[in-house]
Amino acid sequence: LYIPFTVFSIMMFLFIIFNFLSLIPIMRKIDKFSIKDFDLY
């Protein structure tokens, strides 16, 4: 019972890390788009 639980926790931890890393470029793109919008106005 302990081994599957540890594997599941590790997978969830890696999943959260990958989601966080994938959110960083998205936030940068949003910042760039907002800056472009301000430049257009």
N, C-alpha and C. Protein backbone atom coordinates (compact mmCIF):
# COMPACT_ATOMS: atom_id res chain seq x y z
N LEU A 1 0.82 -1.21 0.00
CA LEU A 1 0.00 0.00 0.00
C LEU A 1 0.85 1.26 0.00
N TYR A 2 2.01 1.19 0.63
CA TYR A 2 2.83 2.40 0.72
C TYR A 2 3.47 2.76 -0.63
N ILE A 3 3.90 1.75 -1.37
CA ILE A 3 4.62 2.03 -2.62
C ILE A 3 3.70 2.74 -3.63
N PRO A 4 2.49 2.27 -3.90
CA PRO A 4 1.63 3.00 -4.84
C PRO A 4 1.32 4.42 -4.35
N PHE A 5 1.17 4.58 -3.05
CA PHE A 5 0.88 5.92 -2.53
C PHE A 5 2.05 6.87 -2.80
N THR A 6 3.28 6.40 -2.59
CA THR A 6 4.45 7.26 -2.83
C THR A 6 4.56 7.56 -4.32
N VAL A 7 4.33 6.56 -5.15
CA VAL A 7 4.40 6.80 -6.60
C VAL A 7 3.33 7.81 -7.01
N PHE A 8 2.14 7.67 -6.47
CA PHE A 8 1.06 8.61 -6.79
C PHE A 8 1.42 10.02 -6.33
N SER A 9 1.99 10.14 -5.14
CA SER A 9 2.36 11.47 -4.64
C SER A 9 3.46 12.08 -5.50
N ILE A 10 4.42 11.27 -5.93
CA ILE A 10 5.49 11.78 -6.79
C ILE A 10 4.92 12.23 -8.13
N MET A 11 4.00 11.46 -8.69
CA MET A 11 3.39 11.85 -9.96
C MET A 11 2.62 13.15 -9.82
N MET A 12 1.88 13.29 -8.74
CA MET A 12 1.14 14.54 -8.52
C MET A 12 2.10 15.71 -8.34
N PHE A 13 3.20 15.49 -7.64
CA PHE A 13 4.19 16.55 -7.44
C PHE A 13 4.78 16.98 -8.78
N LEU A 14 5.16 16.02 -9.61
CA LEU A 14 5.71 16.35 -10.93
C LEU A 14 4.65 17.03 -11.79
N PHE A 15 3.42 16.58 -11.69
CA PHE A 15 2.35 17.20 -12.48
C PHE A 15 2.18 18.66 -12.10
N ILE A 16 2.21 18.96 -10.80
CA ILE A 16 2.09 20.34 -10.34
C ILE A 16 3.27 21.17 -10.83
N ILE A 17 4.48 20.60 -10.78
CA ILE A 17 5.67 21.34 -11.22
C ILE A 17 5.56 21.65 -12.71
N PHE A 18 5.15 20.66 -13.51
CA PHE A 18 5.05 20.90 -14.96
C PHE A 18 3.96 21.92 -15.26
N ASN A 19 2.88 21.89 -14.52
CA ASN A 19 1.82 22.89 -14.73
C ASN A 19 2.35 24.28 -14.40
N PHE A 20 3.11 24.39 -13.32
CA PHE A 20 3.66 25.69 -12.94
C PHE A 20 4.63 26.19 -14.01
N LEU A 21 5.48 25.29 -14.52
CA LEU A 21 6.45 25.69 -15.55
C LEU A 21 5.74 26.06 -16.84
N SER A 22 4.63 25.42 -17.13
CA SER A 22 3.89 25.75 -18.36
C SER A 22 3.13 27.06 -18.19
N LEU A 23 2.81 27.44 -16.95
CA LEU A 23 2.09 28.69 -16.73
C LEU A 23 3.01 29.90 -16.88
N ILE A 24 4.30 29.74 -16.62
CA ILE A 24 5.22 30.89 -16.69
C ILE A 24 5.26 31.48 -18.10
N PRO A 25 5.48 30.70 -19.16
CA PRO A 25 5.48 31.29 -20.51
C PRO A 25 4.12 31.88 -20.88
N ILE A 26 3.04 31.28 -20.42
CA ILE A 26 1.70 31.81 -20.72
C ILE A 26 1.55 33.19 -20.08
N MET A 27 2.00 33.34 -18.85
CA MET A 27 1.92 34.64 -18.20
C MET A 27 2.79 35.66 -18.93
N ARG A 28 3.95 35.24 -19.40
CA ARG A 28 4.81 36.16 -20.15
C ARG A 28 4.12 36.58 -21.45
N LYS A 29 3.46 35.63 -22.13
CA LYS A 29 2.74 35.98 -23.36
C LYS A 29 1.62 36.97 -23.06
N ILE A 30 0.92 36.73 -21.95
CA ILE A 30 -0.18 37.64 -21.58
C ILE A 30 0.40 39.04 -21.30
N ASP A 31 1.53 39.10 -20.63
CA ASP A 31 2.16 40.40 -20.37
C ASP A 31 2.53 41.08 -21.68
N LYS A 32 3.08 40.32 -22.62
CA LYS A 32 3.46 40.90 -23.91
C LYS A 32 2.23 41.40 -24.65
N PHE A 33 1.15 40.62 -24.63
CA PHE A 33 -0.07 41.04 -25.33
C PHE A 33 -0.64 42.30 -24.69
N SER A 34 -0.62 42.36 -23.36
CA SER A 34 -1.15 43.54 -22.69
C SER A 34 -0.29 44.76 -23.04
N ILE A 35 1.03 44.58 -23.09
CA ILE A 35 1.92 45.69 -23.45
C ILE A 35 1.62 46.13 -24.89
N LYS A 36 1.41 45.18 -25.80
CA LYS A 36 1.10 45.54 -27.19
C LYS A 36 -0.22 46.29 -27.25
N ASP A 37 -1.19 45.85 -26.46
CA ASP A 37 -2.49 46.54 -26.46
C ASP A 37 -2.31 47.98 -25.97
N PHE A 38 -1.52 48.17 -24.94
CA PHE A 38 -1.29 49.53 -24.45
C PHE A 38 -0.57 50.36 -25.50
N ASP A 39 0.34 49.75 -26.24
CA ASP A 39 1.05 50.49 -27.28
C ASP A 39 0.07 50.90 -28.38
N LEU A 40 -0.87 50.02 -28.71
CA LEU A 40 -1.86 50.35 -29.75
C LEU A 40 -2.72 51.53 -29.31
N TYR A 41 -3.11 51.54 -28.04
CA TYR A 41 -3.92 52.67 -27.57
C TYR A 41 -3.06 53.92 -27.47
